[in-house]
Amino acid sequence: MTPFIMVLIMRCFGAKNSYITALCIYGYSYSIFVPVIILCSSGFVMTQWVLLGYGVFQSTSFIIVNYWRELGKYVDKLRLIIISLIIVCQMGLFFTLKFYFFEEFEDEFSNNNMANALNQTKTNP
């Protein structure tokens, strides 16, 4: 949804981006999250913060670098507003992943560990 909103906003200011280009740019920028999310499944909170921060930084950098020339060509005065919008959307993704996705994962992980600990104490008196 974010790439389409981005294209609509940029078209309002005179840019000529296609929806397919925007979808591809965002798709490639999110590819960094595949290894990041796999590594975040370790369950260590500090590791999740660092890895998700790195993933959001790389993703945001990729999007800004790919839109930089287009933004400079058509919307000189509004470049910072659009870049700020990109950063806000990416930070929303960051907090969604951290506080929703990994919070559920941590709850499941801790419940399984607690259940295993209770089962071990029951079987080993």
Protein backbone atom coordinates (compact mmCIF):
# COMPACT_ATOMS: atom_id res chain seq x y z
CA MET A 1 0.00 0.00 0.00
CA THR A 2 2.86 2.37 0.80
CA PRO A 3 4.29 2.34 -2.76
CA PHE A 4 0.93 3.28 -4.23
CA ILE A 5 0.42 6.13 -1.77
CA MET A 6 3.94 7.30 -2.55
CA VAL A 7 3.24 7.35 -6.29
CA LEU A 8 -0.02 9.24 -5.76
CA ILE A 9 1.69 11.89 -3.65
CA MET A 10 4.55 12.25 -6.12
CA ARG A 11 2.13 12.52 -9.04
CA CYS A 12 0.29 15.31 -7.24
CA PHE A 13 3.55 17.26 -7.24
CA GLY A 14 4.34 16.58 -10.90
CA ALA A 15 6.50 13.43 -10.88
CA LYS A 16 5.92 10.75 -13.49
CA ASN A 17 6.44 7.48 -11.65
CA SER A 18 4.72 4.24 -12.51
CA TYR A 19 3.10 1.98 -9.95
CA ILE A 20 5.16 -0.98 -11.14
CA THR A 21 8.42 0.92 -10.57
CA ALA A 22 7.35 1.92 -7.08
CA LEU A 23 6.28 -1.64 -6.27
CA CYS A 24 9.64 -2.98 -7.47
CA ILE A 25 11.62 -0.41 -5.49
CA TYR A 26 9.74 -1.18 -2.30
CA GLY A 27 9.92 -4.93 -2.95
CA TYR A 28 13.69 -4.82 -3.34
CA SER A 29 14.05 -2.58 -0.31
CA TYR A 30 12.13 -5.07 1.84
CA SER A 31 14.34 -7.99 0.77
CA ILE A 32 16.78 -7.06 3.56
CA PHE A 33 14.14 -8.13 6.07
CA VAL A 34 14.32 -11.80 5.05
CA PRO A 35 17.70 -12.47 6.74
CA VAL A 36 16.97 -9.91 9.47
CA ILE A 37 13.76 -11.62 10.57
CA ILE A 38 15.40 -15.04 10.46
CA LEU A 39 18.22 -13.77 12.69
CA CYS A 40 15.73 -12.03 14.99
CA SER A 41 14.06 -15.34 15.77
CA SER A 42 16.89 -16.01 18.25
CA GLY A 43 14.77 -14.42 20.98
CA PHE A 44 17.38 -11.96 22.27
CA VAL A 45 15.72 -8.56 22.63
CA MET A 46 18.83 -6.43 22.08
CA THR A 47 19.72 -8.41 18.95
CA GLN A 48 16.23 -7.78 17.60
CA TRP A 49 16.53 -4.03 18.18
CA VAL A 50 19.90 -3.83 16.45
CA LEU A 51 18.99 -6.07 13.51
CA LEU A 52 15.62 -4.40 12.90
CA GLY A 53 17.26 -0.98 13.11
CA TYR A 54 19.83 -2.09 10.55
CA GLY A 55 17.12 -3.49 8.28
CA VAL A 56 15.04 -0.31 8.43
CA PHE A 57 18.12 1.84 7.80
CA GLN A 58 19.12 -0.22 4.75
CA SER A 59 15.58 -0.33 3.40
CA THR A 60 15.06 3.42 3.86
CA SER A 61 18.43 4.20 2.29
CA PHE A 62 17.59 2.06 -0.74
CA ILE A 63 14.25 3.81 -1.26
CA ILE A 64 15.71 7.31 -0.88
CA VAL A 65 18.64 6.60 -3.21
CA ASN A 66 16.29 5.27 -5.88
CA TYR A 67 13.88 8.21 -5.62
CA TRP A 68 16.52 10.93 -5.18
CA ARG A 69 16.98 11.83 -8.83
CA GLU A 70 13.26 11.71 -9.55
CA LEU A 71 12.49 13.90 -6.55
CA GLY A 72 15.14 16.43 -7.53
CA LYS A 73 13.90 16.60 -11.09
CA TYR A 74 10.24 17.30 -10.47
CA VAL A 75 9.70 18.42 -6.90
CA ASP A 76 12.74 20.40 -5.74
CA LYS A 77 11.02 22.25 -2.89
CA LEU A 78 9.09 19.25 -1.60
CA ARG A 79 11.94 16.72 -1.58
CA LEU A 80 12.37 16.87 2.20
CA ILE A 81 8.65 16.43 2.81
CA ILE A 82 8.52 13.27 0.70
CA ILE A 83 11.73 11.91 2.23
CA SER A 84 10.26 12.57 5.68
CA LEU A 85 7.15 10.64 4.66
CA ILE A 86 9.32 7.71 3.56
CA ILE A 87 11.19 7.75 6.88
CA VAL A 88 7.96 7.92 8.91
CA CYS A 89 6.48 4.96 7.00
CA GLN A 90 9.66 2.94 7.49
CA MET A 91 9.72 3.74 11.21
CA GLY A 92 6.11 2.58 11.38
CA LEU A 93 7.24 -0.71 9.86
CA PHE A 94 10.07 -0.92 12.40
CA PHE A 95 7.79 -0.45 15.41
CA THR A 96 5.16 -2.78 13.97
CA LEU A 97 7.71 -5.54 13.55
CA LYS A 98 9.24 -5.01 16.97
CA PHE A 99 6.18 -4.48 19.13
CA TYR A 100 3.64 -6.66 17.35
CA PHE A 101 5.39 -9.42 15.43
CA PHE A 102 8.27 -10.11 17.80
CA GLU A 103 6.21 -9.47 20.91
CA GLU A 104 3.92 -12.32 19.86
CA PHE A 105 6.98 -14.43 19.04
CA GLU A 106 8.55 -13.70 22.44
CA ASP A 107 5.31 -14.58 24.24
CA GLU A 108 5.10 -17.89 22.39
CA PHE A 109 8.79 -18.56 23.02
CA SER A 110 8.55 -17.85 26.76
CA ASN A 111 5.32 -19.90 27.11
CA ASN A 112 7.01 -22.91 25.47
CA ASN A 113 10.05 -22.56 27.73
CA MET A 114 7.84 -22.31 30.82
CA ALA A 115 5.79 -25.33 29.75
CA ASN A 116 8.98 -27.34 29.16
CA ALA A 117 10.35 -26.32 32.56
CA LEU A 118 7.09 -27.40 34.29
CA ASN A 119 7.10 -30.72 32.45
CA GLN A 120 10.71 -31.37 33.49
CA THR A 121 9.99 -30.63 37.15
CA LYS A 122 6.96 -32.95 37.11
CA THR A 123 8.88 -35.84 35.56
CA ASN A 124 12.05 -35.34 37.64
CA PRO A 125 11.07 -35.05 41.32
